[in-house]
Amino acid sequence: REGLFGDKYLEHRDSSGRKTGESREREGLFGDKYLEHRDSSGRKTGESRESNDLCYLTTACVKSQGLWDDCLELQVLRDFRDNILMKDPSGRRLIKEYYQIAPEIVRAVEEQKDAQNIWQGIYRDIRHTVSLILSGDFKRASEHYKQMAIRLKENYLD
């Protein structure tokens, strides 16, 4: 739909047709486009920005599950990255390697005939990692994520 000022938006409705919220197209200070999400009372609930970094965590959540790029899973993983992993040398190495291999993994998975199934499997691994983080088991969360990354690298890059 188009608003009074020419802005584009999408209304979200439940099965009975009751409006539950909306997403509006916005433009950031640097010309970047994003969607702003609001609930039925007009309270801002989040944003979704286009990502060009080819992050397989984001792709798995957004593409296979239809989630926003500010969904709980990605917020928890980003917080874990910024506040736990970045404070540890081995965590920083893990992050550095992730940023080196993630775009290649995304491209390789996208070339597969069963890409959607692969993304769903990666999403299951992400959910398990997130549950470990939320339970406070950072060591196991880190190890589970690391094993997932190794498997993806072996399956799609080696």
N, C-alpha and C. Protein backbone atom coordinates (compact mmCIF):
# COMPACT_ATOMS: atom_id res chain seq x y z
N ARG A 1 0.84 -1.18 0.00
CA ARG A 1 0.00 0.00 0.00
C ARG A 1 0.88 1.23 0.00
N GLU A 2 0.24 2.35 -0.28
CA GLU A 2 0.97 3.62 -0.27
C GLU A 2 0.30 4.58 0.70
N GLY A 3 1.13 5.20 1.55
CA GLY A 3 0.62 6.14 2.55
C GLY A 3 0.35 7.51 1.96
N LEU A 4 -0.12 8.42 2.80
CA LEU A 4 -0.45 9.78 2.37
C LEU A 4 0.72 10.52 1.76
N PHE A 5 1.92 10.22 2.24
CA PHE A 5 3.11 10.93 1.77
C PHE A 5 3.90 10.13 0.75
N GLY A 6 3.28 9.11 0.16
CA GLY A 6 3.93 8.31 -0.85
C GLY A 6 4.81 7.21 -0.31
N ASP A 7 4.83 7.04 1.02
CA ASP A 7 5.64 5.97 1.59
C ASP A 7 4.92 4.63 1.42
N LYS A 8 5.71 3.59 1.18
CA LYS A 8 5.14 2.26 0.96
C LYS A 8 5.08 1.51 2.28
N TYR A 9 3.98 0.76 2.48
CA TYR A 9 3.86 -0.03 3.69
C TYR A 9 3.02 -1.28 3.45
N LEU A 10 3.16 -2.20 4.36
CA LEU A 10 2.45 -3.47 4.30
C LEU A 10 1.72 -3.64 5.61
N GLU A 11 0.41 -3.88 5.55
CA GLU A 11 -0.34 -4.13 6.78
C GLU A 11 -0.28 -5.62 7.11
N HIS A 12 -0.13 -5.92 8.39
CA HIS A 12 -0.14 -7.30 8.86
C HIS A 12 -1.49 -7.55 9.53
N ARG A 13 -2.16 -8.64 9.15
CA ARG A 13 -3.48 -8.96 9.71
C ARG A 13 -3.51 -10.41 10.17
N ASP A 14 -4.30 -10.68 11.21
CA ASP A 14 -4.44 -12.06 11.66
C ASP A 14 -5.50 -12.76 10.81
N SER A 15 -5.82 -14.02 11.13
CA SER A 15 -6.74 -14.81 10.30
C SER A 15 -8.16 -14.24 10.30
N SER A 16 -8.52 -13.45 11.30
CA SER A 16 -9.86 -12.85 11.33
C SER A 16 -9.90 -11.50 10.59
N GLY A 17 -8.76 -11.06 10.09
CA GLY A 17 -8.70 -9.80 9.36
C GLY A 17 -8.37 -8.60 10.21
N ARG A 18 -8.16 -8.80 11.52
CA ARG A 18 -7.82 -7.71 12.44
C ARG A 18 -6.37 -7.27 12.21
N LYS A 19 -6.14 -5.96 12.10
CA LYS A 19 -4.79 -5.44 11.87
C LYS A 19 -3.93 -5.71 13.11
N THR A 20 -2.76 -6.33 12.89
CA THR A 20 -1.86 -6.64 14.00
C THR A 20 -0.59 -5.80 13.95
N GLY A 21 -0.38 -5.10 12.86
CA GLY A 21 0.81 -4.27 12.74
C GLY A 21 1.05 -3.87 11.30
N GLU A 22 2.21 -3.25 11.08
CA GLU A 22 2.57 -2.85 9.72
C GLU A 22 4.08 -2.70 9.60
N SER A 23 4.54 -2.77 8.37
CA SER A 23 5.95 -2.54 8.05
C SER A 23 5.99 -1.42 7.02
N ARG A 24 6.82 -0.40 7.27
CA ARG A 24 6.95 0.72 6.35
C ARG A 24 8.36 0.80 5.80
N GLU A 25 8.45 1.13 4.53
CA GLU A 25 9.76 1.32 3.90
C GLU A 25 10.30 2.67 4.34
N ARG A 26 11.55 2.67 4.79
CA ARG A 26 12.20 3.89 5.25
C ARG A 26 13.56 4.03 4.58
N GLU A 27 14.14 5.22 4.71
CA GLU A 27 15.49 5.46 4.19
C GLU A 27 16.33 6.04 5.30
N GLY A 28 17.53 5.43 5.50
CA GLY A 28 18.43 5.87 6.55
C GLY A 28 19.20 7.13 6.15
N LEU A 29 20.01 7.60 7.06
CA LEU A 29 20.79 8.82 6.85
C LEU A 29 21.73 8.72 5.66
N PHE A 30 22.21 7.51 5.37
CA PHE A 30 23.18 7.33 4.29
C PHE A 30 22.54 6.75 3.04
N GLY A 31 21.22 6.87 2.92
CA GLY A 31 20.52 6.39 1.74
C GLY A 31 20.20 4.91 1.77
N ASP A 32 20.52 4.23 2.88
CA ASP A 32 20.22 2.81 2.98
C ASP A 32 18.73 2.62 3.23
N LYS A 33 18.14 1.64 2.55
CA LYS A 33 16.71 1.36 2.70
C LYS A 33 16.51 0.29 3.75
N TYR A 34 15.41 0.43 4.51
CA TYR A 34 15.07 -0.58 5.51
C TYR A 34 13.58 -0.56 5.77
N LEU A 35 13.09 -1.63 6.40
CA LEU A 35 11.70 -1.71 6.80
C LEU A 35 11.61 -1.45 8.30
N GLU A 36 10.67 -0.63 8.69
CA GLU A 36 10.42 -0.36 10.10
C GLU A 36 9.12 -1.08 10.46
N HIS A 37 9.14 -1.88 11.52
CA HIS A 37 8.00 -2.68 11.93
C HIS A 37 7.34 -2.07 13.16
N ARG A 38 6.00 -2.00 13.13
CA ARG A 38 5.24 -1.46 14.25
C ARG A 38 4.08 -2.39 14.56
N ASP A 39 3.71 -2.46 15.86
CA ASP A 39 2.56 -3.28 16.23
C ASP A 39 1.28 -2.49 16.00
N SER A 40 0.13 -3.06 16.36
CA SER A 40 -1.16 -2.42 16.06
C SER A 40 -1.36 -1.10 16.81
N SER A 41 -0.63 -0.90 17.91
CA SER A 41 -0.75 0.37 18.64
C SER A 41 0.20 1.43 18.08
N GLY A 42 1.02 1.07 17.10
CA GLY A 42 1.95 2.02 16.50
C GLY A 42 3.33 2.01 17.13
N ARG A 43 3.54 1.15 18.15
CA ARG A 43 4.83 1.07 18.83
C ARG A 43 5.84 0.34 17.93
N LYS A 44 7.02 0.93 17.77
CA LYS A 44 8.06 0.33 16.95
C LYS A 44 8.52 -0.98 17.57
N THR A 45 8.55 -2.05 16.76
CA THR A 45 8.96 -3.36 17.26
C THR A 45 10.25 -3.86 16.64
N GLY A 46 10.77 -3.17 15.63
CA GLY A 46 12.03 -3.60 15.03
C GLY A 46 12.25 -3.03 13.65
N GLU A 47 13.38 -3.43 13.06
CA GLU A 47 13.75 -3.00 11.71
C GLU A 47 14.35 -4.18 10.97
N SER A 48 14.27 -4.14 9.66
CA SER A 48 14.94 -5.12 8.81
C SER A 48 15.72 -4.35 7.76
N ARG A 49 16.99 -4.61 7.70
CA ARG A 49 17.84 -3.95 6.71
C ARG A 49 18.34 -4.98 5.72
N GLU A 50 18.51 -4.54 4.48
CA GLU A 50 19.09 -5.43 3.49
C GLU A 50 20.54 -5.67 3.86
N SER A 51 20.96 -6.91 3.72
CA SER A 51 22.32 -7.25 4.09
C SER A 51 23.07 -7.73 2.85
N ASN A 52 24.21 -7.14 2.62
CA ASN A 52 25.03 -7.56 1.49
C ASN A 52 26.21 -8.39 1.94
N ASP A 53 26.27 -8.71 3.24
CA ASP A 53 27.44 -9.40 3.73
C ASP A 53 27.37 -10.92 3.56
N LEU A 54 26.27 -11.43 3.03
CA LEU A 54 26.10 -12.86 2.80
C LEU A 54 26.42 -13.68 4.06
N CYS A 55 25.73 -13.37 5.10
CA CYS A 55 25.88 -14.06 6.37
C CYS A 55 25.01 -15.30 6.36
N TYR A 56 25.59 -16.49 6.58
CA TYR A 56 24.75 -17.68 6.52
C TYR A 56 23.84 -17.81 7.71
N LEU A 57 24.16 -17.19 8.82
CA LEU A 57 23.23 -17.21 9.95
C LEU A 57 21.98 -16.41 9.60
N THR A 58 22.18 -15.21 9.06
CA THR A 58 21.05 -14.39 8.66
C THR A 58 20.25 -15.06 7.56
N THR A 59 20.94 -15.61 6.56
CA THR A 59 20.26 -16.24 5.44
C THR A 59 19.40 -17.41 5.93
N ALA A 60 19.95 -18.22 6.82
CA ALA A 60 19.21 -19.37 7.32
C ALA A 60 17.94 -18.94 8.05
N CYS A 61 18.03 -17.89 8.85
CA CYS A 61 16.86 -17.42 9.60
C CYS A 61 15.85 -16.72 8.71
N VAL A 62 16.35 -15.79 7.90
CA VAL A 62 15.47 -14.96 7.09
C VAL A 62 14.89 -15.75 5.91
N LYS A 63 15.73 -16.49 5.22
CA LYS A 63 15.29 -17.17 4.01
C LYS A 63 14.48 -18.43 4.32
N SER A 64 14.97 -19.27 5.21
CA SER A 64 14.26 -20.54 5.41
C SER A 64 13.10 -20.42 6.36
N GLN A 65 13.13 -19.46 7.28
CA GLN A 65 12.09 -19.38 8.29
C GLN A 65 11.18 -18.16 8.12
N GLY A 66 11.54 -17.25 7.23
CA GLY A 66 10.72 -16.07 7.02
C GLY A 66 10.77 -15.09 8.18
N LEU A 67 11.86 -15.12 8.95
CA LEU A 67 12.01 -14.22 10.09
C LEU A 67 12.60 -12.89 9.64
N TRP A 68 12.50 -11.89 10.50
CA TRP A 68 13.12 -10.60 10.23
C TRP A 68 14.59 -10.69 10.60
N ASP A 69 15.41 -9.79 10.07
CA ASP A 69 16.83 -9.86 10.41
C ASP A 69 17.12 -9.30 11.80
N ASP A 70 16.08 -8.93 12.53
CA ASP A 70 16.27 -8.57 13.94
C ASP A 70 15.50 -9.54 14.85
N CYS A 71 15.31 -10.77 14.36
CA CYS A 71 14.60 -11.79 15.14
C CYS A 71 15.40 -12.16 16.39
N LEU A 72 14.76 -12.85 17.30
CA LEU A 72 15.39 -13.23 18.56
C LEU A 72 16.71 -13.97 18.33
N GLU A 73 16.70 -14.94 17.42
CA GLU A 73 17.89 -15.75 17.19
C GLU A 73 19.08 -14.88 16.80
N LEU A 74 18.87 -13.98 15.86
CA LEU A 74 19.98 -13.14 15.40
C LEU A 74 20.39 -12.11 16.45
N GLN A 75 19.43 -11.61 17.21
CA GLN A 75 19.78 -10.67 18.29
C GLN A 75 20.65 -11.38 19.33
N VAL A 76 20.27 -12.61 19.70
CA VAL A 76 21.04 -13.36 20.70
C VAL A 76 22.43 -13.65 20.17
N LEU A 77 22.54 -14.08 18.91
CA LEU A 77 23.85 -14.40 18.33
C LEU A 77 24.73 -13.15 18.22
N ARG A 78 24.15 -12.04 17.83
CA ARG A 78 24.94 -10.80 17.72
C ARG A 78 25.42 -10.34 19.09
N ASP A 79 24.55 -10.45 20.09
CA ASP A 79 24.93 -10.09 21.44
C ASP A 79 26.04 -11.00 21.95
N PHE A 80 25.92 -12.29 21.68
CA PHE A 80 26.93 -13.28 22.06
C PHE A 80 28.27 -12.94 21.39
N ARG A 81 28.22 -12.61 20.11
CA ARG A 81 29.43 -12.23 19.37
C ARG A 81 30.08 -11.00 20.00
N ASP A 82 29.28 -9.96 20.21
CA ASP A 82 29.81 -8.67 20.66
C ASP A 82 30.25 -8.67 22.13
N ASN A 83 29.53 -9.40 22.98
CA ASN A 83 29.77 -9.30 24.42
C ASN A 83 30.48 -10.50 25.03
N ILE A 84 30.57 -11.60 24.32
CA ILE A 84 31.27 -12.79 24.84
C ILE A 84 32.47 -13.13 23.96
N LEU A 85 32.20 -13.44 22.69
CA LEU A 85 33.28 -13.90 21.82
C LEU A 85 34.36 -12.84 21.57
N MET A 86 33.94 -11.59 21.38
CA MET A 86 34.91 -10.54 21.07
C MET A 86 35.87 -10.26 22.23
N LYS A 87 35.54 -10.71 23.42
CA LYS A 87 36.39 -10.47 24.59
C LYS A 87 37.43 -11.57 24.79
N ASP A 88 37.44 -12.55 23.89
CA ASP A 88 38.33 -13.69 24.03
C ASP A 88 39.11 -13.87 22.72
N PRO A 89 40.44 -14.09 22.79
CA PRO A 89 41.22 -14.25 21.56
C PRO A 89 40.71 -15.38 20.66
N SER A 90 40.35 -16.52 21.23
CA SER A 90 39.86 -17.62 20.38
C SER A 90 38.49 -17.26 19.80
N GLY A 91 37.69 -16.49 20.53
CA GLY A 91 36.41 -16.02 20.01
C GLY A 91 36.60 -15.06 18.86
N ARG A 92 37.58 -14.18 18.99
CA ARG A 92 37.86 -13.24 17.89
C ARG A 92 38.34 -13.98 16.64
N ARG A 93 39.14 -15.04 16.83
CA ARG A 93 39.58 -15.85 15.68
C ARG A 93 38.39 -16.53 15.00
N LEU A 94 37.46 -17.05 15.81
CA LEU A 94 36.27 -17.70 15.28
C LEU A 94 35.44 -16.71 14.45
N ILE A 95 35.29 -15.50 14.97
CA ILE A 95 34.54 -14.46 14.25
C ILE A 95 35.24 -14.09 12.95
N LYS A 96 36.55 -13.94 13.01
CA LYS A 96 37.31 -13.58 11.81
C LYS A 96 37.14 -14.65 10.72
N GLU A 97 37.24 -15.90 11.12
CA GLU A 97 37.08 -16.98 10.13
C GLU A 97 35.66 -17.00 9.59
N TYR A 98 34.70 -16.77 10.47
CA TYR A 98 33.30 -16.73 10.02
C TYR A 98 33.13 -15.71 8.89
N TYR A 99 33.65 -14.50 9.08
CA TYR A 99 33.49 -13.46 8.07
C TYR A 99 34.24 -13.79 6.79
N GLN A 100 35.27 -14.63 6.88
CA GLN A 100 36.00 -15.03 5.67
C GLN A 100 35.24 -16.09 4.90
N ILE A 101 34.63 -17.05 5.59
CA ILE A 101 34.01 -18.18 4.88
C ILE A 101 32.51 -18.02 4.64
N ALA A 102 31.84 -17.19 5.42
CA ALA A 102 30.37 -17.09 5.33
C ALA A 102 29.87 -16.77 3.91
N PRO A 103 30.43 -15.76 3.23
CA PRO A 103 29.91 -15.48 1.89
C PRO A 103 30.07 -16.65 0.93
N GLU A 104 31.19 -17.37 1.03
CA GLU A 104 31.41 -18.52 0.15
C GLU A 104 30.42 -19.64 0.46
N ILE A 105 30.13 -19.84 1.73
CA ILE A 105 29.16 -20.87 2.11
C ILE A 105 27.78 -20.52 1.59
N VAL A 106 27.37 -19.27 1.73
CA VAL A 106 26.06 -18.85 1.24
C VAL A 106 25.97 -19.12 -0.27
N ARG A 107 26.99 -18.72 -1.01
CA ARG A 107 26.97 -18.94 -2.47
C ARG A 107 26.89 -20.43 -2.80
N ALA A 108 27.67 -21.24 -2.09
CA ALA A 108 27.70 -22.68 -2.36
C ALA A 108 26.36 -23.33 -2.02
N VAL A 109 25.76 -22.95 -0.91
CA VAL A 109 24.46 -23.52 -0.55
C VAL A 109 23.40 -23.11 -1.56
N GLU A 110 23.43 -21.85 -1.97
CA GLU A 110 22.44 -21.37 -2.94
C GLU A 110 22.52 -22.11 -4.27
N GLU A 111 23.67 -22.68 -4.58
CA GLU A 111 23.82 -23.42 -5.83
C GLU A 111 23.25 -24.84 -5.75
N GLN A 112 22.90 -25.29 -4.56
CA GLN A 112 22.39 -26.64 -4.36
C GLN A 112 20.90 -26.70 -4.73
N LYS A 113 20.49 -27.83 -5.28
CA LYS A 113 19.07 -28.00 -5.64
C LYS A 113 18.18 -28.00 -4.40
N ASP A 114 18.69 -28.50 -3.29
CA ASP A 114 17.90 -28.57 -2.06
C ASP A 114 18.30 -27.48 -1.06
N ALA A 115 18.62 -26.30 -1.58
CA ALA A 115 19.10 -25.20 -0.73
C ALA A 115 18.14 -24.90 0.42
N GLN A 116 16.84 -24.90 0.16
CA GLN A 116 15.88 -24.58 1.22
C GLN A 116 15.99 -25.59 2.37
N ASN A 117 16.15 -26.87 2.06
CA ASN A 117 16.30 -27.89 3.10
C ASN A 117 17.61 -27.70 3.87
N ILE A 118 18.65 -27.32 3.16
CA ILE A 118 19.94 -27.08 3.81
C ILE A 118 19.81 -25.92 4.78
N TRP A 119 19.16 -24.81 4.34
CA TRP A 119 18.98 -23.66 5.22
C TRP A 119 18.16 -24.04 6.45
N GLN A 120 17.17 -24.90 6.28
CA GLN A 120 16.37 -25.32 7.43
C GLN A 120 17.22 -26.12 8.42
N GLY A 121 18.13 -26.95 7.91
CA GLY A 121 19.03 -27.68 8.79
C GLY A 121 19.98 -26.76 9.54
N ILE A 122 20.49 -25.76 8.84
CA ILE A 122 21.36 -24.77 9.48
C ILE A 122 20.58 -24.01 10.55
N TYR A 123 19.33 -23.70 10.24
CA TYR A 123 18.50 -23.01 11.23
C TYR A 123 18.33 -23.84 12.50
N ARG A 124 18.15 -25.16 12.37
CA ARG A 124 18.03 -26.02 13.55
C ARG A 124 19.29 -25.93 14.41
N ASP A 125 20.45 -25.92 13.75
CA ASP A 125 21.72 -25.76 14.49
C ASP A 125 21.78 -24.39 15.18
N ILE A 126 21.32 -23.37 14.50
CA ILE A 126 21.30 -22.03 15.08
C ILE A 126 20.41 -22.01 16.32
N ARG A 127 19.22 -22.61 16.21
CA ARG A 127 18.29 -22.64 17.36
C ARG A 127 18.95 -23.34 18.55
N HIS A 128 19.68 -24.43 18.29
CA HIS A 128 20.34 -25.14 19.39
C HIS A 128 21.41 -24.26 20.02
N THR A 129 22.20 -23.59 19.19
CA THR A 129 23.22 -22.67 19.71
C THR A 129 22.58 -21.58 20.56
N VAL A 130 21.49 -21.01 20.06
CA VAL A 130 20.79 -19.95 20.79
C VAL A 130 20.27 -20.47 22.13
N SER A 131 19.72 -21.68 22.15
CA SER A 131 19.21 -22.22 23.42
C SER A 131 20.34 -22.41 24.42
N LEU A 132 21.53 -22.81 23.94
CA LEU A 132 22.68 -22.93 24.84
C LEU A 132 23.10 -21.57 25.38
N ILE A 133 23.10 -20.55 24.52
CA ILE A 133 23.45 -19.20 24.96
C ILE A 133 22.46 -18.71 26.01
N LEU A 134 21.17 -18.90 25.73
CA LEU A 134 20.15 -18.41 26.65
C LEU A 134 20.19 -19.13 28.00
N SER A 135 20.70 -20.37 27.99
CA SER A 135 20.81 -21.10 29.26
C SER A 135 22.11 -20.74 29.99
N GLY A 136 22.95 -19.91 29.34
CA GLY A 136 24.20 -19.47 29.97
C GLY A 136 25.37 -20.39 29.73
N ASP A 137 25.19 -21.40 28.89
CA ASP A 137 26.25 -22.36 28.61
C ASP A 137 27.06 -21.88 27.39
N PHE A 138 27.84 -20.82 27.61
CA PHE A 138 28.56 -20.18 26.51
C PHE A 138 29.61 -21.07 25.89
N LYS A 139 30.26 -21.89 26.71
CA LYS A 139 31.30 -22.78 26.19
C LYS A 139 30.71 -23.80 25.21
N ARG A 140 29.62 -24.44 25.60
CA ARG A 140 28.98 -25.41 24.69
C ARG A 140 28.39 -24.72 23.48
N ALA A 141 27.84 -23.52 23.67
CA ALA A 141 27.28 -22.77 22.54
C ALA A 141 28.38 -22.48 21.51
N SER A 142 29.52 -22.05 22.01
CA SER A 142 30.65 -21.74 21.14
C SER A 142 31.12 -23.00 20.40
N GLU A 143 31.21 -24.09 21.13
CA GLU A 143 31.66 -25.35 20.53
C GLU A 143 30.65 -25.87 19.50
N HIS A 144 29.37 -25.78 19.82
CA HIS A 144 28.34 -26.24 18.87
C HIS A 144 28.39 -25.41 17.59
N TYR A 145 28.50 -24.09 17.75
CA TYR A 145 28.59 -23.21 16.58
C TYR A 145 29.84 -23.54 15.76
N LYS A 146 30.96 -23.73 16.45
CA LYS A 146 32.22 -24.03 15.77
C LYS A 146 32.10 -25.33 14.96
N GLN A 147 31.48 -26.35 15.53
CA GLN A 147 31.29 -27.62 14.82
C GLN A 147 30.38 -27.44 13.61
N MET A 148 29.35 -26.62 13.74
CA MET A 148 28.47 -26.34 12.60
C MET A 148 29.27 -25.68 11.48
N ALA A 149 30.08 -24.68 11.83
CA ALA A 149 30.88 -23.98 10.83
C ALA A 149 31.87 -24.92 10.14
N ILE A 150 32.48 -25.82 10.90
CA ILE A 150 33.42 -26.79 10.33
C ILE A 150 32.68 -27.71 9.35
N ARG A 151 31.51 -28.20 9.76
CA ARG A 151 30.72 -29.07 8.88
C ARG A 151 30.34 -28.36 7.60
N LEU A 152 29.89 -27.12 7.71
CA LEU A 152 29.51 -26.36 6.52
C LEU A 152 30.70 -26.15 5.60
N LYS A 153 31.81 -25.83 6.19
CA LYS A 153 33.03 -25.62 5.39
C LYS A 153 33.43 -26.91 4.68
N GLU A 154 33.42 -28.02 5.40
CA GLU A 154 33.78 -29.31 4.80
C GLU A 154 32.80 -29.71 3.70
N ASN A 155 31.51 -29.50 3.95
CA ASN A 155 30.48 -29.93 2.98
C ASN A 155 30.41 -29.05 1.74
N TYR A 156 30.71 -27.75 1.88
CA TYR A 156 30.48 -26.85 0.76
C TYR A 156 31.70 -26.14 0.22
N LEU A 157 32.81 -26.18 0.94
CA LEU A 157 33.99 -25.46 0.46
C LEU A 157 35.19 -26.35 0.20
N ASP A 158 35.31 -27.44 0.88
CA ASP A 158 36.51 -28.29 0.72
C ASP A 158 36.34 -29.28 -0.42
